[in-house]
Amino acid sequence: MNCKQFNTISLEEVLLSLGHLPTRQNEKEAWYLNPFASESQASFKLDKRLNAWYLHSEGVGGNNSDLMKKYLNASISEVLIWAEAQNFSSFHQQNISNQKLEIIPKNYEIIEIKNVQHPALLEYLKSRKVENQIDFLDEIHYRMNDKNYFGIGFKNDSSGYEIRNKYSKICLGKKDISTIKNSSNSLRVFEGFFDFLSFQNVETFLEKEPSDYIILNSVAMIHNIKSSLGNYENIELYFDNDDAGNRAVEIIRIENKNAQDCRVLYSDFKDLNDWQVHKNPSPGRQVKHR
């Protein structure tokens, strides 16, 4: 992918991949809270016709490349590497249109899936204090752009994998939520799978019974679960302590009065995993789903 190609991708999709949702929109424009800093009134304007943005609070704007250079504090080369890993649907649609009936090769290949055993990955899990929860995870070896990589894999409901290691945070395959069923009338919703794994460590410590679980794998996937929430008597929400997490809680609680914002547990930390890493509460029993 080059700059020209990246800049033709829908800016709405780029913002969605970062977990940013509009506060209001119409067919011509959308308004977002500042993605670079906290604010209470939306000052970030997306012009849908031009596929461009302007941040009124700072007086800056531009295209997709300008957005991600500022967002990642990175060079354009680093931005394009990031963009390649995102599997933007609008980019693939462009390729299909341009190549008509030609078969488009996947931009990655999964080489091997096995139990987590690589020392670097085990050390990474240890640094996140979830090394005892490997039954939920796989070790994924894959090839992308003629290079071989490996990482922790967490499977989603579309058989894609969230891939994490010390240096990478990508999704292989279709982006989707991950659902773990225990035939419960209670549900716990987590933003990321490290938060879910952390909760498994402290579930007994918190005197909680096992429930059904949904891991969003990105707060942008929140709309994928709205129709299923009505099936539960109790809903607990464990999102990040940021603007996107605040909006996600608000979206769910508007339609589900039985939904509880449980972030008070880790109110002084970025997320549930950050709380576990720094507070180190007593670990509970390990719960398996395989």
Protein backbone atom coordinates (compact mmCIF):
# COMPACT_ATOMS: atom_id res chain seq x y z
CA MET A 1 0.00 0.00 0.00
CA ASN A 2 1.25 3.48 -0.87
CA CYS A 3 0.11 6.92 0.31
CA LYS A 4 -2.29 7.43 -2.60
CA GLN A 5 -4.01 4.11 -1.88
CA PHE A 6 -4.18 4.74 1.86
CA ASN A 7 -5.68 8.19 1.39
CA THR A 8 -8.55 6.76 -0.68
CA ILE A 9 -9.65 4.48 2.17
CA SER A 10 -12.76 5.71 3.96
CA LEU A 11 -11.69 8.00 6.79
CA GLU A 12 -14.71 6.77 8.74
CA GLU A 13 -13.29 3.23 8.59
CA VAL A 14 -9.85 4.45 9.71
CA LEU A 15 -11.38 6.19 12.74
CA LEU A 16 -13.54 3.14 13.47
CA SER A 17 -10.46 0.91 13.51
CA LEU A 18 -9.03 3.21 16.22
CA GLY A 19 -12.21 2.93 18.30
CA HIS A 20 -13.57 6.41 17.55
CA LEU A 21 -17.30 6.83 16.92
CA PRO A 22 -19.05 10.03 15.75
CA THR A 23 -21.07 12.04 18.24
CA ARG A 24 -23.31 13.25 15.40
CA GLN A 25 -23.36 12.97 11.62
CA ASN A 26 -25.33 13.39 8.41
CA GLU A 27 -24.74 12.38 4.79
CA LYS A 28 -22.14 15.13 4.27
CA GLU A 29 -20.13 15.25 7.50
CA ALA A 30 -19.48 13.66 10.89
CA TRP A 31 -18.24 15.13 14.15
CA TYR A 32 -15.95 13.32 16.59
CA LEU A 33 -14.34 14.09 19.90
CA ASN A 34 -10.67 15.01 19.45
CA PRO A 35 -8.87 11.67 18.81
CA PHE A 36 -5.57 13.18 19.95
CA ALA A 37 -6.68 14.55 23.34
CA SER A 38 -9.60 14.63 25.75
CA GLU A 39 -12.43 17.07 25.18
CA SER A 40 -16.12 17.36 26.08
CA GLN A 41 -17.38 19.03 22.87
CA ALA A 42 -16.67 17.46 19.48
CA SER A 43 -14.30 19.62 17.44
CA PHE A 44 -13.06 17.03 14.93
CA LYS A 45 -14.92 17.33 11.63
CA LEU A 46 -14.90 14.66 8.92
CA ASP A 47 -15.93 15.83 5.46
CA LYS A 48 -17.36 12.69 3.83
CA ARG A 49 -17.34 14.16 0.32
CA LEU A 50 -13.66 15.10 0.46
CA ASN A 51 -12.65 12.23 2.76
CA ALA A 52 -10.73 14.80 4.79
CA TRP A 53 -10.66 16.02 8.39
CA TYR A 54 -10.23 19.28 10.25
CA LEU A 55 -9.65 19.66 13.99
CA HIS A 56 -11.11 23.04 14.95
CA SER A 57 -9.64 23.03 18.47
CA GLU A 58 -6.10 22.90 17.06
CA GLY A 59 -6.56 24.39 13.61
CA VAL A 60 -5.04 21.40 11.79
CA GLY A 61 -6.40 18.91 9.27
CA GLY A 62 -5.63 16.80 6.25
CA ASN A 63 -6.01 13.32 4.81
CA ASN A 64 -5.62 9.81 6.21
CA SER A 65 -1.83 9.96 6.15
CA ASP A 66 -1.81 13.26 8.06
CA LEU A 67 -4.19 11.81 10.64
CA MET A 68 -2.13 8.70 11.34
CA LYS A 69 1.22 10.50 11.34
CA LYS A 70 -0.12 12.67 14.13
CA TYR A 71 -2.02 9.86 15.88
CA LEU A 72 0.92 7.41 15.93
CA ASN A 73 3.61 10.10 16.11
CA ALA A 74 5.26 8.16 13.31
CA SER A 75 6.87 8.57 9.90
CA ILE A 76 4.88 7.97 6.73
CA SER A 77 6.71 4.66 6.23
CA GLU A 78 5.61 3.51 9.69
CA VAL A 79 2.05 4.69 8.96
CA LEU A 80 1.91 2.58 5.79
CA ILE A 81 3.19 -0.49 7.66
CA TRP A 82 0.41 0.05 10.20
CA ALA A 83 -2.17 0.50 7.44
CA GLU A 84 -1.12 -2.71 5.69
CA ALA A 85 -1.83 -4.66 8.86
CA GLN A 86 -5.37 -3.34 9.31
CA ASN A 87 -7.12 -5.22 6.47
CA PHE A 88 -9.31 -2.22 5.62
CA SER A 89 -12.41 -3.45 3.82
CA SER A 90 -12.66 -0.35 1.63
CA PHE A 91 -9.12 -0.99 0.34
CA HIS A 92 -9.99 -4.57 -0.60
CA GLN A 93 -13.16 -3.33 -2.33
CA GLN A 94 -11.00 -0.97 -4.40
CA ASN A 95 -8.76 -3.88 -5.38
CA ILE A 96 -11.76 -5.98 -6.39
CA SER A 97 -13.10 -3.13 -8.49
CA ASN A 98 -9.75 -2.46 -10.15
CA GLN A 99 -8.91 -6.08 -10.84
CA LYS A 100 -12.46 -7.09 -11.80
CA LEU A 101 -12.60 -10.91 -11.83
CA GLU A 102 -8.96 -11.50 -11.00
CA ILE A 103 -8.32 -13.53 -7.84
CA ILE A 104 -6.80 -11.30 -5.17
CA PRO A 105 -4.20 -13.09 -3.04
CA LYS A 106 -4.41 -12.83 0.71
CA ASN A 107 -1.83 -10.48 2.17
CA TYR A 108 -0.97 -13.01 4.87
CA GLU A 109 -0.67 -16.77 5.31
CA ILE A 110 -1.04 -18.65 8.58
CA ILE A 111 1.80 -21.18 8.66
CA GLU A 112 1.20 -22.94 11.98
CA ILE A 113 -1.19 -22.89 14.94
CA LYS A 114 -0.04 -24.58 18.15
CA ASN A 115 -0.03 -24.35 21.93
CA VAL A 116 1.77 -21.32 23.30
CA GLN A 117 5.34 -22.37 24.01
CA HIS A 118 7.76 -19.84 22.52
CA PRO A 119 9.85 -18.32 25.35
CA ALA A 120 9.35 -14.76 24.06
CA LEU A 121 5.56 -15.15 24.04
CA LEU A 122 5.51 -16.79 27.46
CA GLU A 123 7.59 -13.93 28.81
CA TYR A 124 5.20 -11.43 27.20
CA LEU A 125 2.22 -13.11 28.85
CA LYS A 126 4.09 -13.10 32.14
CA SER A 127 4.66 -9.35 31.83
CA ARG A 128 0.88 -8.97 31.44
CA LYS A 129 0.33 -11.39 34.38
CA VAL A 130 -1.87 -13.77 32.42
CA GLU A 131 0.65 -16.55 31.81
CA ASN A 132 -1.64 -19.06 33.55
CA GLN A 133 -4.47 -18.48 31.06
CA ILE A 134 -2.85 -19.99 27.94
CA ASP A 135 -5.74 -22.43 27.41
CA PHE A 136 -7.64 -19.53 25.85
CA LEU A 137 -4.76 -18.75 23.47
CA ASP A 138 -2.80 -20.14 20.53
CA GLU A 139 0.66 -19.52 19.19
CA ILE A 140 0.26 -18.33 15.60
CA HIS A 141 3.07 -18.35 13.05
CA TYR A 142 2.22 -16.40 9.90
CA ARG A 143 3.79 -14.87 6.82
CA MET A 144 3.09 -11.33 5.65
CA ASN A 145 4.85 -9.24 3.00
CA ASP A 146 7.42 -12.02 2.44
CA LYS A 147 8.40 -12.07 6.11
CA ASN A 148 7.65 -14.59 8.87
CA TYR A 149 6.14 -13.52 12.20
CA PHE A 150 4.66 -15.12 15.29
CA GLY A 151 2.42 -13.97 18.10
CA ILE A 152 -0.24 -14.76 20.68
CA GLY A 153 -3.52 -15.59 18.94
CA PHE A 154 -7.02 -15.13 20.37
CA LYS A 155 -9.73 -16.52 18.10
CA ASN A 156 -12.87 -14.57 17.24
CA ASP A 157 -16.33 -15.72 16.14
CA SER A 158 -15.42 -15.42 12.44
CA SER A 159 -12.35 -17.66 12.85
CA GLY A 160 -10.03 -14.67 12.63
CA TYR A 161 -7.27 -14.11 15.18
CA GLU A 162 -6.34 -11.13 17.27
CA ILE A 163 -2.54 -11.24 17.23
CA ARG A 164 -0.44 -9.74 19.99
CA ASN A 165 3.20 -9.76 20.97
CA LYS A 166 5.56 -7.21 22.42
CA TYR A 167 5.73 -5.35 19.09
CA SER A 168 2.51 -6.10 17.21
CA LYS A 169 -1.23 -5.57 17.56
CA ILE A 170 -3.12 -6.75 14.47
CA CYS A 171 -5.99 -8.98 13.38
CA LEU A 172 -5.57 -11.83 10.90
CA GLY A 173 -8.79 -12.52 9.03
CA LYS A 174 -12.15 -10.86 9.56
CA LYS A 175 -12.45 -8.56 12.57
CA ASP A 176 -15.14 -9.83 14.95
CA ILE A 177 -16.11 -10.31 18.57
CA SER A 178 -15.25 -13.43 20.58
CA THR A 179 -18.06 -15.16 22.48
CA ILE A 180 -17.65 -17.68 25.30
CA LYS A 181 -20.86 -19.37 26.43
CA ASN A 182 -21.57 -20.97 29.80
CA SER A 183 -25.40 -21.20 29.55
CA SER A 184 -25.66 -18.27 31.95
CA ASN A 185 -28.29 -15.54 32.27
CA SER A 186 -25.47 -13.12 33.13
CA LEU A 187 -23.02 -11.58 30.69
CA ARG A 188 -19.68 -9.83 31.08
CA VAL A 189 -18.41 -7.67 28.22
CA PHE A 190 -14.71 -6.83 27.82
CA GLU A 191 -13.03 -4.45 25.41
CA GLY A 192 -9.93 -6.59 24.84
CA PHE A 193 -8.92 -10.17 25.48
CA PHE A 194 -6.16 -9.27 27.95
CA ASP A 195 -8.88 -7.72 30.12
CA PHE A 196 -10.87 -10.95 29.85
CA LEU A 197 -7.83 -13.06 30.76
CA SER A 198 -7.12 -10.78 33.70
CA PHE A 199 -10.69 -11.20 34.92
CA GLN A 200 -10.32 -14.97 34.79
CA ASN A 201 -7.45 -14.57 37.25
CA VAL A 202 -9.50 -12.58 39.73
CA GLU A 203 -13.03 -13.94 39.24
CA THR A 204 -12.91 -16.03 42.41
CA PHE A 205 -11.02 -13.33 44.29
CA LEU A 206 -13.88 -10.95 43.46
CA GLU A 207 -16.40 -13.60 44.57
CA LYS A 208 -17.91 -13.75 41.08
CA GLU A 209 -19.53 -16.79 39.49
CA PRO A 210 -18.69 -17.72 35.88
CA SER A 211 -21.00 -16.16 33.26
CA ASP A 212 -21.19 -15.81 29.51
CA TYR A 213 -18.48 -13.56 28.10
CA ILE A 214 -18.15 -11.31 25.06
CA ILE A 215 -14.79 -9.82 24.11
CA LEU A 216 -15.21 -6.97 21.62
CA ASN A 217 -11.58 -7.09 20.38
CA SER A 218 -12.17 -3.39 19.60
CA VAL A 219 -14.63 -0.95 21.09
CA ALA A 220 -15.65 -0.21 17.50
CA MET A 221 -17.38 -3.63 17.42
CA ILE A 222 -19.93 -2.58 20.03
CA HIS A 223 -22.76 -2.40 17.50
CA ASN A 224 -22.24 -6.10 16.72
CA ILE A 225 -23.51 -7.12 20.16
CA LYS A 226 -26.47 -4.78 20.76
CA SER A 227 -29.09 -7.27 19.51
CA SER A 228 -27.90 -10.07 21.82
CA LEU A 229 -27.82 -8.10 25.08
CA GLY A 230 -31.56 -8.45 25.67
CA ASN A 231 -31.07 -12.16 26.36
CA TYR A 232 -29.41 -11.48 29.73
CA GLU A 233 -30.77 -10.53 33.14
CA ASN A 234 -27.46 -9.03 34.25
CA ILE A 235 -24.77 -7.35 32.17
CA GLU A 236 -21.38 -6.19 33.48
CA LEU A 237 -19.23 -3.85 31.37
CA TYR A 238 -15.42 -3.80 31.66
CA PHE A 239 -14.24 -1.18 29.17
CA ASP A 240 -11.20 1.09 29.08
CA ASN A 241 -11.11 4.29 31.10
CA ASP A 242 -11.07 6.64 28.11
CA ASP A 243 -13.49 8.58 25.91
CA ALA A 244 -14.23 5.58 23.68
CA GLY A 245 -14.97 3.45 26.74
CA ASN A 246 -17.25 6.15 28.14
CA ARG A 247 -19.21 6.30 24.90
CA ALA A 248 -19.47 2.51 24.68
CA VAL A 249 -20.89 2.30 28.21
CA GLU A 250 -23.38 5.05 27.41
CA ILE A 251 -24.51 3.34 24.18
CA ILE A 252 -25.22 0.05 25.97
CA ARG A 253 -26.83 1.52 29.08
CA ILE A 254 -29.29 3.64 27.09
CA GLU A 255 -30.98 0.48 25.83
CA ASN A 256 -30.13 -1.90 28.69
CA LYS A 257 -31.02 -0.61 32.14
CA ASN A 258 -29.63 -3.82 33.68
CA ALA A 259 -26.12 -3.04 32.38
CA GLN A 260 -23.59 -2.10 35.07
CA ASP A 261 -20.45 -0.06 34.49
CA CYS A 262 -17.84 -2.02 36.48
CA ARG A 263 -14.87 0.27 35.85
CA VAL A 264 -14.94 1.48 39.44
CA LEU A 265 -12.87 -1.64 40.15
CA TYR A 266 -9.94 -0.14 38.21
CA SER A 267 -10.88 3.54 38.07
CA ASP A 268 -7.28 4.71 38.57
CA PHE A 269 -5.89 2.56 35.76
CA LYS A 270 -6.11 2.45 31.96
CA ASP A 271 -7.96 -0.86 31.88
CA LEU A 272 -8.54 -4.09 33.79
CA ASN A 273 -5.25 -5.65 32.74
CA ASP A 274 -3.32 -2.54 33.75
CA TRP A 275 -4.99 -2.78 37.16
CA GLN A 276 -4.02 -6.43 37.53
CA VAL A 277 -0.43 -5.81 36.48
CA HIS A 278 0.09 -3.01 38.99
CA LYS A 279 -2.20 -4.05 41.85
CA ASN A 280 -1.49 -7.79 41.52
CA PRO A 281 -4.66 -9.06 43.27
CA SER A 282 -4.80 -12.68 44.35
CA PRO A 283 -5.27 -14.95 41.32
CA GLY A 284 -8.36 -17.09 41.13
CA ARG A 285 -8.97 -20.40 39.45
CA GLN A 286 -8.34 -20.90 35.78
CA VAL A 287 -11.46 -21.34 33.65
CA LYS A 288 -11.18 -23.36 30.46
CA HIS A 289 -13.37 -23.14 27.37
CA ARG A 290 -11.91 -25.93 25.30
